[in-house]
Structures are given as structure tokens and as C-alpha cells.
Amino acid sequence: PSGVYRIKGTIGVRYRASTRNYSVNVVGPSVHIAVAPPRCAANNLVAIGMSLDADDVRYRMRSALAPV
């Protein structure tokens, strides 16, 4: 979303019968993804930036975390 310069958190990725959690850090064009530590809560992302449209950010984050 416009104004966001960093996104960080943990996402759960389901593959067949299991789910693996990943730590996600995005700063500008750089994306870093790693296996999350055990017992880390999944599907928690935080957007950091200036002059954010909070409703737009929430909508986009929920859409990104929605199962497909």
C-alpha cells in the first residue's frame, strides 16, 4: 500500500496436511523470508510507514493472509 516502507511478521503456509510458519521482513524492494521459530504465532503482519490509509492497509493485509 502507498506509504508503507516496511512489513514484518509471521505467516503460515499450508501445504497438503501441514502448515509451516515463516518470518517475513520487507523493507523497500528487499524481501527476507525464513522459517519461523517454533511456537511462533502465524498470520501476524505489521505495516510501518507514513501517512497510511489504515483501512486500505488492513484490507490488503487481510487479502494477503486469506487462504487460497
PDB file of N, CA and C in Angstrom:
ATOM      1  N   PRO A   1       0.820  -1.207   0.000  1.00  0.00           N
ATOM      2  CA  PRO A   1       0.000   0.000   0.000  1.00  0.00           C
ATOM      3  C   PRO A   1       0.860   1.266   0.000  1.00  0.00           C
ATOM      4  N   SER A   2       0.318   2.314  -0.494  1.00  0.00           N
ATOM      5  CA  SER A   2       1.031   3.580  -0.558  1.00  0.00           C
ATOM      6  C   SER A   2       1.463   4.027   0.835  1.00  0.00           C
ATOM      7  N   GLY A   3       2.699   4.483   0.949  1.00  0.00           N
ATOM      8  CA  GLY A   3       3.223   4.973   2.213  1.00  0.00           C
ATOM      9  C   GLY A   3       3.886   3.932   3.086  1.00  0.00           C
ATOM     10  N   VAL A   4       3.701   2.648   2.783  1.00  0.00           N
ATOM     11  CA  VAL A   4       4.314   1.581   3.585  1.00  0.00           C
ATOM     12  C   VAL A   4       5.765   1.407   3.160  1.00  0.00           C
ATOM     13  N   TYR A   5       6.678   1.448   4.117  1.00  0.00           N
ATOM     14  CA  TYR A   5       8.077   1.190   3.778  1.00  0.00           C
ATOM     15  C   TYR A   5       8.619  -0.050   4.462  1.00  0.00           C
ATOM     16  N   ARG A   6       7.832  -0.647   5.375  1.00  0.00           N
ATOM     17  CA  ARG A   6       8.283  -1.894   5.992  1.00  0.00           C
ATOM     18  C   ARG A   6       7.076  -2.734   6.372  1.00  0.00           C
ATOM     19  N   ILE A   7       7.200  -4.051   6.143  1.00  0.00           N
ATOM     20  CA  ILE A   7       6.210  -5.026   6.592  1.00  0.00           C
ATOM     21  C   ILE A   7       6.985  -6.125   7.292  1.00  0.00           C
ATOM     22  N   LYS A   8       6.509  -6.519   8.465  1.00  0.00           N
ATOM     23  CA  LYS A   8       7.186  -7.598   9.182  1.00  0.00           C
ATOM     24  C   LYS A   8       6.159  -8.439   9.918  1.00  0.00           C
ATOM     25  N   GLY A   9       6.516  -9.695  10.157  1.00  0.00           N
ATOM     26  CA  GLY A   9       5.627 -10.571  10.898  1.00  0.00           C
ATOM     27  C   GLY A   9       5.842 -12.020  10.530  1.00  0.00           C
ATOM     28  N   THR A  10       4.825 -12.829  10.821  1.00  0.00           N
ATOM     29  CA  THR A  10       4.893 -14.269  10.598  1.00  0.00           C
ATOM     30  C   THR A  10       3.653 -14.715   9.837  1.00  0.00           C
ATOM     31  N   ILE A  11       3.857 -15.563   8.845  1.00  0.00           N
ATOM     32  CA  ILE A  11       2.735 -16.116   8.081  1.00  0.00           C
ATOM     33  C   ILE A  11       2.791 -17.636   8.144  1.00  0.00           C
ATOM     34  N   GLY A  12       1.635 -18.260   8.052  1.00  0.00           N
ATOM     35  CA  GLY A  12       1.547 -19.714   7.985  1.00  0.00           C
ATOM     36  C   GLY A  12       1.239 -20.124   6.559  1.00  0.00           C
ATOM     37  N   VAL A  13       2.015 -21.061   6.051  1.00  0.00           N
ATOM     38  CA  VAL A  13       1.813 -21.550   4.689  1.00  0.00           C
ATOM     39  C   VAL A  13       1.409 -23.015   4.772  1.00  0.00           C
ATOM     40  N   ARG A  14       0.202 -23.288   4.289  1.00  0.00           N
ATOM     41  CA  ARG A  14      -0.303 -24.658   4.345  1.00  0.00           C
ATOM     42  C   ARG A  14       0.070 -25.384   3.063  1.00  0.00           C
ATOM     43  N   TYR A  15       0.556 -26.605   3.224  1.00  0.00           N
ATOM     44  CA  TYR A  15       0.844 -27.474   2.094  1.00  0.00           C
ATOM     45  C   TYR A  15       0.317 -28.850   2.444  1.00  0.00           C
ATOM     46  N   ARG A  16      -0.692 -29.269   1.714  1.00  0.00           N
ATOM     47  CA  ARG A  16      -1.387 -30.526   1.982  1.00  0.00           C
ATOM     48  C   ARG A  16      -1.901 -30.527   3.418  1.00  0.00           C
ATOM     49  N   ALA A  17      -1.440 -31.454   4.264  1.00  0.00           N
ATOM     50  CA  ALA A  17      -1.988 -31.588   5.619  1.00  0.00           C
ATOM     51  C   ALA A  17      -1.198 -30.833   6.682  1.00  0.00           C
ATOM     52  N   SER A  18      -0.134 -30.149   6.316  1.00  0.00           N
ATOM     53  CA  SER A  18       0.668 -29.471   7.340  1.00  0.00           C
ATOM     54  C   SER A  18       0.796 -27.976   7.043  1.00  0.00           C
ATOM     55  N   THR A  19       1.170 -27.240   8.066  1.00  0.00           N
ATOM     56  CA  THR A  19       1.396 -25.799   7.941  1.00  0.00           C
ATOM     57  C   THR A  19       2.769 -25.479   8.499  1.00  0.00           C
ATOM     58  N   ARG A  20       3.517 -24.683   7.780  1.00  0.00           N
ATOM     59  CA  ARG A  20       4.835 -24.235   8.245  1.00  0.00           C
ATOM     60  C   ARG A  20       4.787 -22.718   8.370  1.00  0.00           C
ATOM     61  N   ASN A  21       5.328 -22.210   9.468  1.00  0.00           N
ATOM     62  CA  ASN A  21       5.347 -20.770   9.705  1.00  0.00           C
ATOM     63  C   ASN A  21       6.654 -20.165   9.221  1.00  0.00           C
ATOM     64  N   TYR A  22       6.534 -18.975   8.631  1.00  0.00           N
ATOM     65  CA  TYR A  22       7.696 -18.256   8.113  1.00  0.00           C
ATOM     66  C   TYR A  22       7.709 -16.830   8.655  1.00  0.00           C
ATOM     67  N   SER A  23       8.901 -16.353   8.987  1.00  0.00           N
ATOM     68  CA  SER A  23       9.099 -14.949   9.347  1.00  0.00           C
ATOM     69  C   SER A  23       9.301 -14.169   8.058  1.00  0.00           C
ATOM     70  N   VAL A  24       8.622 -13.042   7.951  1.00  0.00           N
ATOM     71  CA  VAL A  24       8.684 -12.214   6.749  1.00  0.00           C
ATOM     72  C   VAL A  24       9.131 -10.809   7.142  1.00  0.00           C
ATOM     73  N   ASN A  25      10.116 -10.288   6.438  1.00  0.00           N
ATOM     74  CA  ASN A  25      10.568  -8.908   6.609  1.00  0.00           C
ATOM     75  C   ASN A  25      10.710  -8.288   5.230  1.00  0.00           C
ATOM     76  N   VAL A  26       9.997  -7.202   5.000  1.00  0.00           N
ATOM     77  CA  VAL A  26      10.059  -6.485   3.730  1.00  0.00           C
ATOM     78  C   VAL A  26      10.449  -5.042   4.035  1.00  0.00           C
ATOM     79  N   VAL A  27      11.523  -4.584   3.411  1.00  0.00           N
ATOM     80  CA  VAL A  27      11.950  -3.188   3.533  1.00  0.00           C
ATOM     81  C   VAL A  27      12.215  -2.689   2.121  1.00  0.00           C
ATOM     82  N   GLY A  28      11.374  -1.756   1.662  1.00  0.00           N
ATOM     83  CA  GLY A  28      11.507  -1.286   0.285  1.00  0.00           C
ATOM     84  C   GLY A  28      11.392  -2.472  -0.664  1.00  0.00           C
ATOM     85  N   PRO A  29      12.337  -2.623  -1.587  1.00  0.00           N
ATOM     86  CA  PRO A  29      12.276  -3.729  -2.538  1.00  0.00           C
ATOM     87  C   PRO A  29      12.879  -5.033  -2.001  1.00  0.00           C
ATOM     88  N   SER A  30      13.455  -5.003  -0.799  1.00  0.00           N
ATOM     89  CA  SER A  30      14.112  -6.194  -0.238  1.00  0.00           C
ATOM     90  C   SER A  30      13.119  -7.039   0.542  1.00  0.00           C
ATOM     91  N   VAL A  31      13.110  -8.344   0.250  1.00  0.00           N
ATOM     92  CA  VAL A  31      12.227  -9.287   0.927  1.00  0.00           C
ATOM     93  C   VAL A  31      13.085 -10.381   1.535  1.00  0.00           C
ATOM     94  N   HIS A  32      12.891 -10.653   2.837  1.00  0.00           N
ATOM     95  CA  HIS A  32      13.614 -11.723   3.510  1.00  0.00           C
ATOM     96  C   HIS A  32      12.588 -12.643   4.151  1.00  0.00           C
ATOM     97  N   ILE A  33      12.680 -13.936   3.832  1.00  0.00           N
ATOM     98  CA  ILE A  33      11.765 -14.940   4.370  1.00  0.00           C
ATOM     99  C   ILE A  33      12.600 -16.062   4.957  1.00  0.00           C
ATOM    100  N   ALA A  34      12.251 -16.486   6.190  1.00  0.00           N
ATOM    101  CA  ALA A  34      12.970 -17.568   6.861  1.00  0.00           C
ATOM    102  C   ALA A  34      11.971 -18.406   7.650  1.00  0.00           C
ATOM    103  N   VAL A  35      12.334 -19.650   7.932  1.00  0.00           N
ATOM    104  CA  VAL A  35      11.485 -20.498   8.766  1.00  0.00           C
ATOM    105  C   VAL A  35      11.379 -19.843  10.141  1.00  0.00           C
ATOM    106  N   ALA A  36      10.164 -19.714  10.643  1.00  0.00           N
ATOM    107  CA  ALA A  36       9.927 -19.058  11.932  1.00  0.00           C
ATOM    108  C   ALA A  36      10.299 -19.991  13.079  1.00  0.00           C
ATOM    109  N   PRO A  37      10.642 -19.423  14.227  1.00  0.00           N
ATOM    110  CA  PRO A  37      10.930 -20.243  15.404  1.00  0.00           C
ATOM    111  C   PRO A  37       9.696 -21.053  15.804  1.00  0.00           C
ATOM    112  N   PRO A  38       9.900 -22.188  16.462  1.00  0.00           N
ATOM    113  CA  PRO A  38       8.763 -22.993  16.926  1.00  0.00           C
ATOM    114  C   PRO A  38       7.844 -22.168  17.833  1.00  0.00           C
ATOM    115  N   ARG A  39       6.583 -22.481  17.799  1.00  0.00           N
ATOM    116  CA  ARG A  39       5.556 -21.841  18.627  1.00  0.00           C
ATOM    117  C   ARG A  39       5.349 -20.364  18.325  1.00  0.00           C
ATOM    118  N   CYS A  40       5.799 -19.925  17.195  1.00  0.00           N
ATOM    119  CA  CYS A  40       5.598 -18.532  16.787  1.00  0.00           C
ATOM    120  C   CYS A  40       4.197 -18.416  16.180  1.00  0.00           C
ATOM    121  N   ALA A  41       3.407 -17.469  16.663  1.00  0.00           N
ATOM    122  CA  ALA A  41       2.040 -17.297  16.155  1.00  0.00           C
ATOM    123  C   ALA A  41       2.069 -16.887  14.685  1.00  0.00           C
ATOM    124  N   ALA A  42       1.222 -17.533  13.891  1.00  0.00           N
ATOM    125  CA  ALA A  42       1.205 -17.263  12.449  1.00  0.00           C
ATOM    126  C   ALA A  42       0.177 -16.196  12.102  1.00  0.00           C
ATOM    127  N   ASN A  43       0.336 -15.665  10.902  1.00  0.00           N
ATOM    128  CA  ASN A  43      -0.582 -14.701  10.305  1.00  0.00           C
ATOM    129  C   ASN A  43      -0.716 -13.420  11.123  1.00  0.00           C
ATOM    130  N   ASN A  44       0.441 -12.891  11.478  1.00  0.00           N
ATOM    131  CA  ASN A  44       0.536 -11.600  12.144  1.00  0.00           C
ATOM    132  C   ASN A  44       1.507 -10.745  11.347  1.00  0.00           C
ATOM    133  N   LEU A  45       0.995  -9.771  10.643  1.00  0.00           N
ATOM    134  CA  LEU A  45       1.842  -8.861   9.879  1.00  0.00           C
ATOM    135  C   LEU A  45       1.600  -7.434  10.350  1.00  0.00           C
ATOM    136  N   VAL A  46       2.665  -6.641  10.349  1.00  0.00           N
ATOM    137  CA  VAL A  46       2.597  -5.238  10.735  1.00  0.00           C
ATOM    138  C   VAL A  46       3.135  -4.411   9.580  1.00  0.00           C
ATOM    139  N   ALA A  47       2.402  -3.379   9.201  1.00  0.00           N
ATOM    140  CA  ALA A  47       2.860  -2.446   8.172  1.00  0.00           C
ATOM    141  C   ALA A  47       3.324  -1.169   8.864  1.00  0.00           C
ATOM    142  N   ILE A  48       4.497  -0.691   8.477  1.00  0.00           N
ATOM    143  CA  ILE A  48       5.081   0.509   9.071  1.00  0.00           C
ATOM    144  C   ILE A  48       5.289   1.525   7.954  1.00  0.00           C
ATOM    145  N   GLY A  49       4.873   2.754   8.194  1.00  0.00           N
ATOM    146  CA  GLY A  49       5.048   3.782   7.173  1.00  0.00           C
ATOM    147  C   GLY A  49       4.498   5.115   7.623  1.00  0.00           C
ATOM    148  N   MET A  50       4.419   6.029   6.688  1.00  0.00           N
ATOM    149  CA  MET A  50       3.946   7.387   6.960  1.00  0.00           C
ATOM    150  C   MET A  50       2.661   7.651   6.180  1.00  0.00           C
ATOM    151  N   SER A  51       1.761   8.392   6.786  1.00  0.00           N
ATOM    152  CA  SER A  51       0.513   8.821   6.135  1.00  0.00           C
ATOM    153  C   SER A  51      -0.236   7.645   5.519  1.00  0.00           C
ATOM    154  N   LEU A  52      -0.389   6.570   6.293  1.00  0.00           N
ATOM    155  CA  LEU A  52      -1.050   5.365   5.792  1.00  0.00           C
ATOM    156  C   LEU A  52      -2.566   5.521   5.815  1.00  0.00           C
ATOM    157  N   ASP A  53      -3.217   4.932   4.832  1.00  0.00           N
ATOM    158  CA  ASP A  53      -4.667   4.784   4.839  1.00  0.00           C
ATOM    159  C   ASP A  53      -4.922   3.470   5.568  1.00  0.00           C
ATOM    160  N   ALA A  54      -5.245   3.549   6.861  1.00  0.00           N
ATOM    161  CA  ALA A  54      -5.355   2.357   7.706  1.00  0.00           C
ATOM    162  C   ALA A  54      -6.349   1.340   7.151  1.00  0.00           C
ATOM    163  N   ASP A  55      -7.483   1.799   6.644  1.00  0.00           N
ATOM    164  CA  ASP A  55      -8.477   0.871   6.097  1.00  0.00           C
ATOM    165  C   ASP A  55      -7.927   0.124   4.886  1.00  0.00           C
ATOM    166  N   ASP A  56      -7.220   0.821   4.013  1.00  0.00           N
ATOM    167  CA  ASP A  56      -6.628   0.187   2.832  1.00  0.00           C
ATOM    168  C   ASP A  56      -5.558  -0.821   3.243  1.00  0.00           C
ATOM    169  N   VAL A  57      -4.722  -0.445   4.202  1.00  0.00           N
ATOM    170  CA  VAL A  57      -3.670  -1.360   4.667  1.00  0.00           C
ATOM    171  C   VAL A  57      -4.295  -2.611   5.269  1.00  0.00           C
ATOM    172  N   ARG A  58      -5.308  -2.457   6.134  1.00  0.00           N
ATOM    173  CA  ARG A  58      -5.971  -3.625   6.740  1.00  0.00           C
ATOM    174  C   ARG A  58      -6.572  -4.528   5.664  1.00  0.00           C
ATOM    175  N   TYR A  59      -7.257  -3.930   4.694  1.00  0.00           N
ATOM    176  CA  TYR A  59      -7.874  -4.710   3.620  1.00  0.00           C
ATOM    177  C   TYR A  59      -6.819  -5.514   2.855  1.00  0.00           C
ATOM    178  N   ARG A  60      -5.729  -4.869   2.491  1.00  0.00           N
ATOM    179  CA  ARG A  60      -4.683  -5.548   1.717  1.00  0.00           C
ATOM    180  C   ARG A  60      -3.990  -6.632   2.533  1.00  0.00           C
ATOM    181  N   MET A  61      -3.761  -6.378   3.823  1.00  0.00           N
ATOM    182  CA  MET A  61      -3.118  -7.384   4.674  1.00  0.00           C
ATOM    183  C   MET A  61      -4.033  -8.600   4.840  1.00  0.00           C
ATOM    184  N   ARG A  62      -5.322  -8.352   5.084  1.00  0.00           N
ATOM    185  CA  ARG A  62      -6.262  -9.475   5.212  1.00  0.00           C
ATOM    186  C   ARG A  62      -6.334 -10.272   3.915  1.00  0.00           C
ATOM    187  N   SER A  63      -6.340  -9.576   2.792  1.00  0.00           N
ATOM    188  CA  SER A  63      -6.370 -10.258   1.495  1.00  0.00           C
ATOM    189  C   SER A  63      -5.117 -11.096   1.291  1.00  0.00           C
ATOM    190  N   ALA A  64      -3.974 -10.565   1.696  1.00  0.00           N
ATOM    191  CA  ALA A  64      -2.714 -11.296   1.532  1.00  0.00           C
ATOM    192  C   ALA A  64      -2.669 -12.537   2.412  1.00  0.00           C
ATOM    193  N   LEU A  65      -3.314 -12.498   3.569  1.00  0.00           N
ATOM    194  CA  LEU A  65      -3.281 -13.624   4.504  1.00  0.00           C
ATOM    195  C   LEU A  65      -4.417 -14.616   4.293  1.00  0.00           C
ATOM    196  N   ALA A  66      -5.357 -14.302   3.418  1.00  0.00           N
ATOM    197  CA  ALA A  66      -6.507 -15.179   3.198  1.00  0.00           C
ATOM    198  C   ALA A  66      -6.085 -16.477   2.514  1.00  0.00           C
ATOM    199  N   PRO A  67      -6.634 -17.609   2.976  1.00  0.00           N
ATOM    200  CA  PRO A  67      -6.334 -18.887   2.311  1.00  0.00           C
ATOM    201  C   PRO A  67      -6.813 -18.864   0.864  1.00  0.00           C
ATOM    202  N   VAL A  68      -6.090 -19.549   0.009  1.00  0.00           N
ATOM    203  CA  VAL A  68      -6.497 -19.659  -1.392  1.00  0.00           C
ATOM    204  C   VAL A  68      -6.815 -21.086  -1.747  1.00  0.00           C
TER     205      VAL A  68
END
